[in-house]
Amino acid sequence: LAAEVEAGRFREDLYYRLAVVRVELPPLRQR
Protein backbone atom coordinates (compact mmCIF):
# COMPACT_ATOMS: atom_id res chain seq x y z
CA LEU A 1 0.00 0.00 0.00
CA ALA A 2 2.90 2.38 0.62
CA ALA A 3 3.89 1.90 -3.03
CA GLU A 4 0.27 2.42 -4.08
CA VAL A 5 0.29 5.73 -2.19
CA GLU A 6 3.50 6.72 -3.95
CA ALA A 7 1.95 5.86 -7.34
CA GLY A 8 -1.15 7.92 -6.55
CA ARG A 9 -3.50 4.94 -6.54
CA PHE A 10 -4.22 5.06 -2.81
CA ARG A 11 -4.80 8.04 -0.53
CA GLU A 12 -2.04 8.65 1.98
CA ASP A 13 -4.42 9.88 4.70
CA LEU A 14 -6.57 6.76 4.32
CA TYR A 15 -3.49 4.53 4.47
CA TYR A 16 -2.39 5.98 7.80
CA ARG A 17 -5.94 5.86 9.15
CA LEU A 18 -6.17 2.15 8.33
CA ALA A 19 -2.66 1.30 9.54
CA VAL A 20 -3.18 2.20 13.20
CA VAL A 21 -1.83 -1.30 13.85
CA ARG A 22 -0.07 -3.23 11.10
CA VAL A 23 0.01 -7.02 11.16
CA GLU A 24 2.42 -8.57 8.65
CA LEU A 25 1.83 -12.26 7.97
CA PRO A 26 4.99 -14.12 6.97
CA PRO A 27 4.85 -16.29 3.83
CA LEU A 28 5.13 -20.03 4.41
CA ARG A 29 8.63 -20.17 2.91
CA GLN A 30 9.80 -17.99 5.82
CA ARG A 31 8.38 -20.37 8.43
PDB file of all heavy atoms in Angstrom:
ATOM      1  N   LEU A   1       0.814  -1.212   0.000  1.00  0.00           N
ATOM      2  CA  LEU A   1       0.000   0.000   0.000  1.00  0.00           C
ATOM      3  C   LEU A   1       0.845   1.259   0.000  1.00  0.00           C
ATOM      4  O   LEU A   1       0.439   2.287  -0.549  1.00  0.00           O
ATOM      5  CB  LEU A   1      -0.945   0.016   1.203  1.00  0.00           C
ATOM      6  CG  LEU A   1      -2.244  -0.787   1.080  1.00  0.00           C
ATOM      7  CD1 LEU A   1      -3.202  -0.384   2.180  1.00  0.00           C
ATOM      8  CD2 LEU A   1      -2.898  -0.596  -0.287  1.00  0.00           C
ATOM      9  N   ALA A   2       2.027   1.201   0.637  1.00  0.00           N
ATOM     10  CA  ALA A   2       2.901   2.377   0.615  1.00  0.00           C
ATOM     11  C   ALA A   2       3.304   2.709  -0.823  1.00  0.00           C
ATOM     12  O   ALA A   2       3.369   3.880  -1.217  1.00  0.00           O
ATOM     13  CB  ALA A   2       4.139   2.142   1.477  1.00  0.00           C
ATOM     14  N   ALA A   3       3.558   1.680  -1.617  1.00  0.00           N
ATOM     15  CA  ALA A   3       3.895   1.898  -3.033  1.00  0.00           C
ATOM     16  C   ALA A   3       2.685   2.416  -3.802  1.00  0.00           C
ATOM     17  O   ALA A   3       2.821   3.244  -4.713  1.00  0.00           O
ATOM     18  CB  ALA A   3       4.396   0.600  -3.656  1.00  0.00           C
ATOM     19  N   GLU A   4       1.487   1.930  -3.435  1.00  0.00           N
ATOM     20  CA  GLU A   4       0.273   2.415  -4.080  1.00  0.00           C
ATOM     21  C   GLU A   4       0.043   3.897  -3.773  1.00  0.00           C
ATOM     22  O   GLU A   4      -0.419   4.659  -4.619  1.00  0.00           O
ATOM     23  CB  GLU A   4      -0.941   1.592  -3.610  1.00  0.00           C
ATOM     24  CG  GLU A   4      -0.902   0.129  -4.025  1.00  0.00           C
ATOM     25  CD  GLU A   4      -0.945  -0.041  -5.527  1.00  0.00           C
ATOM     26  OE1 GLU A   4      -1.948   0.351  -6.137  1.00  0.00           O
ATOM     27  OE2 GLU A   4       0.041  -0.549  -6.095  1.00  0.00           O
ATOM     28  N   VAL A   5       0.381   4.304  -2.561  1.00  0.00           N
ATOM     29  CA  VAL A   5       0.293   5.726  -2.187  1.00  0.00           C
ATOM     30  C   VAL A   5       1.254   6.531  -3.043  1.00  0.00           C
ATOM     31  O   VAL A   5       0.905   7.589  -3.593  1.00  0.00           O
ATOM     32  CB  VAL A   5       0.614   5.920  -0.689  1.00  0.00           C
ATOM     33  CG1 VAL A   5       0.774   7.399  -0.365  1.00  0.00           C
ATOM     34  CG2 VAL A   5      -0.488   5.305   0.170  1.00  0.00           C
ATOM     35  N   GLU A   6       2.475   6.024  -3.164  1.00  0.00           N
ATOM     36  CA  GLU A   6       3.503   6.724  -3.955  1.00  0.00           C
ATOM     37  C   GLU A   6       3.072   6.863  -5.413  1.00  0.00           C
ATOM     38  O   GLU A   6       3.333   7.884  -6.062  1.00  0.00           O
ATOM     39  CB  GLU A   6       4.819   5.947  -3.871  1.00  0.00           C
ATOM     40  CG  GLU A   6       5.997   6.617  -4.545  1.00  0.00           C
ATOM     41  CD  GLU A   6       6.496   7.840  -3.796  1.00  0.00           C
ATOM     42  OE1 GLU A   6       6.200   7.987  -2.595  1.00  0.00           O
ATOM     43  OE2 GLU A   6       7.176   8.662  -4.432  1.00  0.00           O
ATOM     44  N   ALA A   7       2.378   5.843  -5.934  1.00  0.00           N
ATOM     45  CA  ALA A   7       1.950   5.858  -7.336  1.00  0.00           C
ATOM     46  C   ALA A   7       0.665   6.645  -7.540  1.00  0.00           C
ATOM     47  O   ALA A   7       0.202   6.790  -8.668  1.00  0.00           O
ATOM     48  CB  ALA A   7       1.770   4.421  -7.833  1.00  0.00           C
ATOM     49  N   GLY A   8       0.066   7.127  -6.444  1.00  0.00           N
ATOM     50  CA  GLY A   8      -1.150   7.925  -6.555  1.00  0.00           C
ATOM     51  C   GLY A   8      -2.415   7.113  -6.683  1.00  0.00           C
ATOM     52  O   GLY A   8      -3.477   7.651  -7.006  1.00  0.00           O
ATOM     53  N   ARG A   9      -2.321   5.794  -6.411  1.00  0.00           N
ATOM     54  CA  ARG A   9      -3.503   4.939  -6.535  1.00  0.00           C
ATOM     55  C   ARG A   9      -4.208   4.725  -5.197  1.00  0.00           C
ATOM     56  O   ARG A   9      -5.263   4.080  -5.153  1.00  0.00           O
ATOM     57  CB  ARG A   9      -3.112   3.598  -7.150  1.00  0.00           C
ATOM     58  CG  ARG A   9      -2.686   3.682  -8.603  1.00  0.00           C
ATOM     59  CD  ARG A   9      -2.484   2.307  -9.195  1.00  0.00           C
ATOM     60  NE  ARG A   9      -1.322   1.628  -8.637  1.00  0.00           N
ATOM     61  CZ  ARG A   9      -0.116   1.653  -9.178  1.00  0.00           C
ATOM     62  NH1 ARG A   9       0.096   2.336 -10.300  1.00  0.00           N
ATOM     63  NH2 ARG A   9       0.884   1.004  -8.619  1.00  0.00           N
ATOM     64  N   PHE A  10      -3.607   5.206  -4.116  1.00  0.00           N
ATOM     65  CA  PHE A  10      -4.225   5.059  -2.806  1.00  0.00           C
ATOM     66  C   PHE A  10      -3.929   6.305  -1.983  1.00  0.00           C
ATOM     67  O   PHE A  10      -2.810   6.810  -1.975  1.00  0.00           O
ATOM     68  CB  PHE A  10      -3.687   3.815  -2.083  1.00  0.00           C
ATOM     69  CG  PHE A  10      -4.612   3.281  -1.030  1.00  0.00           C
ATOM     70  CD1 PHE A  10      -5.638   2.424  -1.357  1.00  0.00           C
ATOM     71  CD2 PHE A  10      -4.471   3.660   0.307  1.00  0.00           C
ATOM     72  CE1 PHE A  10      -6.505   1.925  -0.393  1.00  0.00           C
ATOM     73  CE2 PHE A  10      -5.317   3.187   1.282  1.00  0.00           C
ATOM     74  CZ  PHE A  10      -6.347   2.309   0.934  1.00  0.00           C
ATOM     75  N   ARG A  11      -4.949   6.807  -1.300  1.00  0.00           N
ATOM     76  CA  ARG A  11      -4.799   8.041  -0.532  1.00  0.00           C
ATOM     77  C   ARG A  11      -3.899   7.830   0.676  1.00  0.00           C
ATOM     78  O   ARG A  11      -4.051   6.873   1.444  1.00  0.00           O
ATOM     79  CB  ARG A  11      -6.163   8.542  -0.068  1.00  0.00           C
ATOM     80  CG  ARG A  11      -7.032   9.108  -1.174  1.00  0.00           C
ATOM     81  CD  ARG A  11      -8.377   9.528  -0.593  1.00  0.00           C
ATOM     82  NE  ARG A  11      -8.229  10.585   0.387  1.00  0.00           N
ATOM     83  CZ  ARG A  11      -8.583  11.856   0.185  1.00  0.00           C
ATOM     84  NH1 ARG A  11      -9.096  12.211  -0.991  1.00  0.00           N
ATOM     85  NH2 ARG A  11      -8.443  12.757   1.142  1.00  0.00           N
ATOM     86  N   GLU A  12      -2.976   8.759   0.868  1.00  0.00           N
ATOM     87  CA  GLU A  12      -2.038   8.653   1.977  1.00  0.00           C
ATOM     88  C   GLU A  12      -2.752   8.771   3.323  1.00  0.00           C
ATOM     89  O   GLU A  12      -2.458   8.027   4.266  1.00  0.00           O
ATOM     90  CB  GLU A  12      -0.956   9.734   1.862  1.00  0.00           C
ATOM     91  CG  GLU A  12       0.141   9.608   2.900  1.00  0.00           C
ATOM     92  CD  GLU A  12       1.269  10.600   2.645  1.00  0.00           C
ATOM     93  OE1 GLU A  12       1.000  11.673   2.052  1.00  0.00           O
ATOM     94  OE2 GLU A  12       2.416  10.311   3.035  1.00  0.00           O
ATOM     95  N   ASP A  13      -3.727   9.701   3.417  1.00  0.00           N
ATOM     96  CA  ASP A  13      -4.417   9.879   4.696  1.00  0.00           C
ATOM     97  C   ASP A  13      -5.233   8.639   5.058  1.00  0.00           C
ATOM     98  O   ASP A  13      -5.327   8.257   6.226  1.00  0.00           O
ATOM     99  CB  ASP A  13      -5.300  11.127   4.682  1.00  0.00           C
ATOM    100  CG  ASP A  13      -6.170  11.255   3.437  1.00  0.00           C
ATOM    101  OD1 ASP A  13      -6.172  10.320   2.614  1.00  0.00           O
ATOM    102  OD2 ASP A  13      -6.843  12.302   3.284  1.00  0.00           O
ATOM    103  N   LEU A  14      -5.819   7.980   4.050  1.00  0.00           N
ATOM    104  CA  LEU A  14      -6.570   6.761   4.322  1.00  0.00           C
ATOM    105  C   LEU A  14      -5.630   5.635   4.745  1.00  0.00           C
ATOM    106  O   LEU A  14      -5.946   4.847   5.647  1.00  0.00           O
ATOM    107  CB  LEU A  14      -7.369   6.344   3.092  1.00  0.00           C
ATOM    108  CG  LEU A  14      -8.175   5.048   3.217  1.00  0.00           C
ATOM    109  CD1 LEU A  14      -9.147   5.110   4.385  1.00  0.00           C
ATOM    110  CD2 LEU A  14      -8.908   4.739   1.915  1.00  0.00           C
ATOM    111  N   TYR A  15      -4.464   5.563   4.110  1.00  0.00           N
ATOM    112  CA  TYR A  15      -3.486   4.532   4.469  1.00  0.00           C
ATOM    113  C   TYR A  15      -3.117   4.633   5.946  1.00  0.00           C
ATOM    114  O   TYR A  15      -3.147   3.632   6.671  1.00  0.00           O
ATOM    115  CB  TYR A  15      -2.232   4.676   3.602  1.00  0.00           C
ATOM    116  CG  TYR A  15      -1.069   3.829   4.065  1.00  0.00           C
ATOM    117  CD1 TYR A  15      -1.074   2.448   3.880  1.00  0.00           C
ATOM    118  CD2 TYR A  15       0.033   4.402   4.691  1.00  0.00           C
ATOM    119  CE1 TYR A  15      -0.014   1.666   4.313  1.00  0.00           C
ATOM    120  CE2 TYR A  15       1.090   3.631   5.127  1.00  0.00           C
ATOM    121  CZ  TYR A  15       1.065   2.261   4.933  1.00  0.00           C
ATOM    122  OH  TYR A  15       2.108   1.488   5.380  1.00  0.00           O
ATOM    123  N   TYR A  16      -2.789   5.824   6.413  1.00  0.00           N
ATOM    124  CA  TYR A  16      -2.386   5.976   7.805  1.00  0.00           C
ATOM    125  C   TYR A  16      -3.554   5.773   8.757  1.00  0.00           C
ATOM    126  O   TYR A  16      -3.372   5.322   9.887  1.00  0.00           O
ATOM    127  CB  TYR A  16      -1.744   7.345   8.024  1.00  0.00           C
ATOM    128  CG  TYR A  16      -0.363   7.431   7.416  1.00  0.00           C
ATOM    129  CD1 TYR A  16      -0.088   8.308   6.365  1.00  0.00           C
ATOM    130  CD2 TYR A  16       0.658   6.618   7.878  1.00  0.00           C
ATOM    131  CE1 TYR A  16       1.180   8.369   5.802  1.00  0.00           C
ATOM    132  CE2 TYR A  16       1.922   6.673   7.314  1.00  0.00           C
ATOM    133  CZ  TYR A  16       2.179   7.549   6.279  1.00  0.00           C
ATOM    134  OH  TYR A  16       3.426   7.589   5.723  1.00  0.00           O
ATOM    135  N   ARG A  17      -4.765   6.070   8.295  1.00  0.00           N
ATOM    136  CA  ARG A  17      -5.938   5.858   9.145  1.00  0.00           C
ATOM    137  C   ARG A  17      -6.241   4.360   9.300  1.00  0.00           C
ATOM    138  O   ARG A  17      -6.686   3.918  10.358  1.00  0.00           O
ATOM    139  CB  ARG A  17      -7.154   6.568   8.527  1.00  0.00           C
ATOM    140  CG  ARG A  17      -8.385   6.554   9.410  1.00  0.00           C
ATOM    141  CD  ARG A  17      -8.157   7.339  10.693  1.00  0.00           C
ATOM    142  NE  ARG A  17      -9.300   7.245  11.599  1.00  0.00           N
ATOM    143  CZ  ARG A  17      -9.544   6.205  12.403  1.00  0.00           C
ATOM    144  NH1 ARG A  17      -8.720   5.169  12.405  1.00  0.00           N
ATOM    145  NH2 ARG A  17     -10.590   6.204  13.202  1.00  0.00           N
ATOM    146  N   LEU A  18      -5.961   3.594   8.260  1.00  0.00           N
ATOM    147  CA  LEU A  18      -6.169   2.154   8.330  1.00  0.00           C
ATOM    148  C   LEU A  18      -5.052   1.449   9.091  1.00  0.00           C
ATOM    149  O   LEU A  18      -5.280   0.453   9.780  1.00  0.00           O
ATOM    150  CB  LEU A  18      -6.261   1.561   6.917  1.00  0.00           C
ATOM    151  CG  LEU A  18      -7.498   1.902   6.092  1.00  0.00           C
ATOM    152  CD1 LEU A  18      -7.303   1.454   4.657  1.00  0.00           C
ATOM    153  CD2 LEU A  18      -8.742   1.241   6.688  1.00  0.00           C
ATOM    154  N   ALA A  19      -3.833   1.969   8.968  1.00  0.00           N
ATOM    155  CA  ALA A  19      -2.660   1.296   9.539  1.00  0.00           C
ATOM    156  C   ALA A  19      -2.367   1.761  10.962  1.00  0.00           C
ATOM    157  O   ALA A  19      -1.211   1.999  11.314  1.00  0.00           O
ATOM    158  CB  ALA A  19      -1.452   1.505   8.635  1.00  0.00           C
ATOM    159  N   VAL A  20      -3.411   1.882  11.792  1.00  0.00           N
ATOM    160  CA  VAL A  20      -3.179   2.204  13.199  1.00  0.00           C
ATOM    161  C   VAL A  20      -2.311   1.108  13.807  1.00  0.00           C
ATOM    162  O   VAL A  20      -1.344   1.346  14.521  1.00  0.00           O
ATOM    163  CB  VAL A  20      -4.517   2.317  13.951  1.00  0.00           C
ATOM    164  CG1 VAL A  20      -4.278   2.523  15.445  1.00  0.00           C
ATOM    165  CG2 VAL A  20      -5.342   3.471  13.383  1.00  0.00           C
ATOM    166  N   VAL A  21      -2.659  -0.143  13.502  1.00  0.00           N
ATOM    167  CA  VAL A  21      -1.829  -1.301  13.847  1.00  0.00           C
ATOM    168  C   VAL A  21      -1.619  -2.103  12.567  1.00  0.00           C
ATOM    169  O   VAL A  21      -2.583  -2.399  11.859  1.00  0.00           O
ATOM    170  CB  VAL A  21      -2.496  -2.194  14.913  1.00  0.00           C
ATOM    171  CG1 VAL A  21      -1.636  -3.423  15.192  1.00  0.00           C
ATOM    172  CG2 VAL A  21      -2.745  -1.414  16.195  1.00  0.00           C
ATOM    173  N   ARG A  22      -0.384  -2.426  12.274  1.00  0.00           N
ATOM    174  CA  ARG A  22      -0.072  -3.235  11.098  1.00  0.00           C
ATOM    175  C   ARG A  22       0.308  -4.638  11.532  1.00  0.00           C
ATOM    176  O   ARG A  22       1.155  -4.819  12.404  1.00  0.00           O
ATOM    177  CB  ARG A  22       1.072  -2.624  10.293  1.00  0.00           C
ATOM    178  CG  ARG A  22       0.705  -1.338   9.567  1.00  0.00           C
ATOM    179  CD  ARG A  22       1.930  -0.790   8.870  1.00  0.00           C
ATOM    180  NE  ARG A  22       2.465  -1.712   7.891  1.00  0.00           N
ATOM    181  CZ  ARG A  22       3.751  -1.763   7.526  1.00  0.00           C
ATOM    182  NH1 ARG A  22       4.627  -0.950   8.089  1.00  0.00           N
ATOM    183  NH2 ARG A  22       4.164  -2.641   6.633  1.00  0.00           N
ATOM    184  N   VAL A  23      -0.323  -5.620  10.910  1.00  0.00           N
ATOM    185  CA  VAL A  23       0.014  -7.020  11.160  1.00  0.00           C
ATOM    186  C   VAL A  23       0.539  -7.594   9.849  1.00  0.00           C
ATOM    187  O   VAL A  23      -0.180  -7.635   8.852  1.00  0.00           O
ATOM    188  CB  VAL A  23      -1.216  -7.817  11.636  1.00  0.00           C
ATOM    189  CG1 VAL A  23      -0.872  -9.308  11.755  1.00  0.00           C
ATOM    190  CG2 VAL A  23      -1.729  -7.281  12.955  1.00  0.00           C
ATOM    191  N   GLU A  24       1.808  -8.005   9.847  1.00  0.00           N
ATOM    192  CA  GLU A  24       2.424  -8.566   8.650  1.00  0.00           C
ATOM    193  C   GLU A  24       2.511 -10.081   8.799  1.00  0.00           C
ATOM    194  O   GLU A  24       3.204 -10.584   9.683  1.00  0.00           O
ATOM    195  CB  GLU A  24       3.815  -7.975   8.441  1.00  0.00           C
ATOM    196  CG  GLU A  24       3.824  -6.465   8.216  1.00  0.00           C
ATOM    197  CD  GLU A  24       5.232  -5.928   8.050  1.00  0.00           C
ATOM    198  OE1 GLU A  24       5.903  -6.326   7.068  1.00  0.00           O
ATOM    199  OE2 GLU A  24       5.679  -5.137   8.905  1.00  0.00           O
ATOM    200  N   LEU A  25       1.808 -10.800   7.932  1.00  0.00           N
ATOM    201  CA  LEU A  25       1.830 -12.257   7.975  1.00  0.00           C
ATOM    202  C   LEU A  25       2.998 -12.785   7.147  1.00  0.00           C
ATOM    203  O   LEU A  25       3.113 -12.448   5.962  1.00  0.00           O
ATOM    204  CB  LEU A  25       0.520 -12.830   7.434  1.00  0.00           C
ATOM    205  CG  LEU A  25      -0.702 -12.690   8.336  1.00  0.00           C
ATOM    206  CD1 LEU A  25      -1.919 -13.280   7.633  1.00  0.00           C
ATOM    207  CD2 LEU A  25      -0.482 -13.370   9.664  1.00  0.00           C
ATOM    208  N   PRO A  26       3.852 -13.606   7.731  1.00  0.00           N
ATOM    209  CA  PRO A  26       4.994 -14.123   6.971  1.00  0.00           C
ATOM    210  C   PRO A  26       4.554 -15.169   5.968  1.00  0.00           C
ATOM    211  O   PRO A  26       3.634 -15.966   6.247  1.00  0.00           O
ATOM    212  CB  PRO A  26       5.878 -14.749   8.057  1.00  0.00           C
ATOM    213  CG  PRO A  26       4.925 -15.131   9.139  1.00  0.00           C
ATOM    214  CD  PRO A  26       3.837 -14.081   9.117  1.00  0.00           C
ATOM    215  N   PRO A  27       5.157 -15.217   4.782  1.00  0.00           N
ATOM    216  CA  PRO A  27       4.846 -16.287   3.831  1.00  0.00           C
ATOM    217  C   PRO A  27       5.345 -17.623   4.384  1.00  0.00           C
ATOM    218  O   PRO A  27       6.226 -17.672   5.249  1.00  0.00           O
ATOM    219  CB  PRO A  27       5.613 -15.876   2.574  1.00  0.00           C
ATOM    220  CG  PRO A  27       6.713 -14.985   3.058  1.00  0.00           C
ATOM    221  CD  PRO A  27       6.173 -14.284   4.262  1.00  0.00           C
ATOM    222  N   LEU A  28       4.791 -18.706   3.886  1.00  0.00           N
ATOM    223  CA  LEU A  28       5.127 -20.029   4.411  1.00  0.00           C
ATOM    224  C   LEU A  28       6.602 -20.366   4.216  1.00  0.00           C
ATOM    225  O   LEU A  28       7.196 -21.070   5.042  1.00  0.00           O
ATOM    226  CB  LEU A  28       4.246 -21.086   3.727  1.00  0.00           C
ATOM    227  CG  LEU A  28       4.273 -22.500   4.313  1.00  0.00           C
ATOM    228  CD1 LEU A  28       3.967 -22.488   5.809  1.00  0.00           C
ATOM    229  CD2 LEU A  28       3.300 -23.394   3.565  1.00  0.00           C
ATOM    230  N   ARG A  29       7.217 -19.858   3.144  1.00  0.00           N
ATOM    231  CA  ARG A  29       8.629 -20.165   2.906  1.00  0.00           C
ATOM    232  C   ARG A  29       9.542 -19.556   3.968  1.00  0.00           C
ATOM    233  O   ARG A  29      10.705 -19.935   4.077  1.00  0.00           O
ATOM    234  CB  ARG A  29       9.045 -19.671   1.516  1.00  0.00           C
ATOM    235  CG  ARG A  29       8.929 -18.175   1.324  1.00  0.00           C
ATOM    236  CD  ARG A  29       9.273 -17.750  -0.099  1.00  0.00           C
ATOM    237  NE  ARG A  29       9.003 -16.335  -0.302  1.00  0.00           N
ATOM    238  CZ  ARG A  29       7.817 -15.842  -0.617  1.00  0.00           C
ATOM    239  NH1 ARG A  29       6.790 -16.655  -0.773  1.00  0.00           N
ATOM    240  NH2 ARG A  29       7.642 -14.547  -0.783  1.00  0.00           N
ATOM    241  N   GLN A  30       9.014 -18.591   4.742  1.00  0.00           N
ATOM    242  CA  GLN A  30       9.800 -17.991   5.818  1.00  0.00           C
ATOM    243  C   GLN A  30       9.497 -18.629   7.174  1.00  0.00           C
ATOM    244  O   GLN A  30      10.033 -18.198   8.191  1.00  0.00           O
ATOM    245  CB  GLN A  30       9.540 -16.486   5.876  1.00  0.00           C
ATOM    246  CG  GLN A  30      10.100 -15.729   4.690  1.00  0.00           C
ATOM    247  CD  GLN A  30       9.773 -14.248   4.740  1.00  0.00           C
ATOM    248  OE1 GLN A  30       9.276 -13.736   5.746  1.00  0.00           O
ATOM    249  NE2 GLN A  30      10.035 -13.544   3.649  1.00  0.00           N
ATOM    250  N   ARG A  31       8.667 -19.646   7.184  1.00  0.00           N
ATOM    251  CA  ARG A  31       8.383 -20.368   8.435  1.00  0.00           C
ATOM    252  C   ARG A  31       8.191 -21.854   8.140  1.00  0.00           C
ATOM    253  O   ARG A  31       7.200 -22.468   8.493  1.00  0.00           O
ATOM    254  CB  ARG A  31       7.160 -19.778   9.148  1.00  0.00           C
ATOM    255  CG  ARG A  31       5.876 -19.702   8.327  1.00  0.00           C
ATOM    256  CD  ARG A  31       4.769 -19.099   9.149  1.00  0.00           C
ATOM    257  NE  ARG A  31       3.466 -19.161   8.537  1.00  0.00           N
ATOM    258  CZ  ARG A  31       2.446 -19.907   8.971  1.00  0.00           C
ATOM    259  NH1 ARG A  31       2.612 -20.704  10.004  1.00  0.00           N
ATOM    260  NH2 ARG A  31       1.278 -19.867   8.388  1.00  0.00           N
TER     261      ARG A  31
END
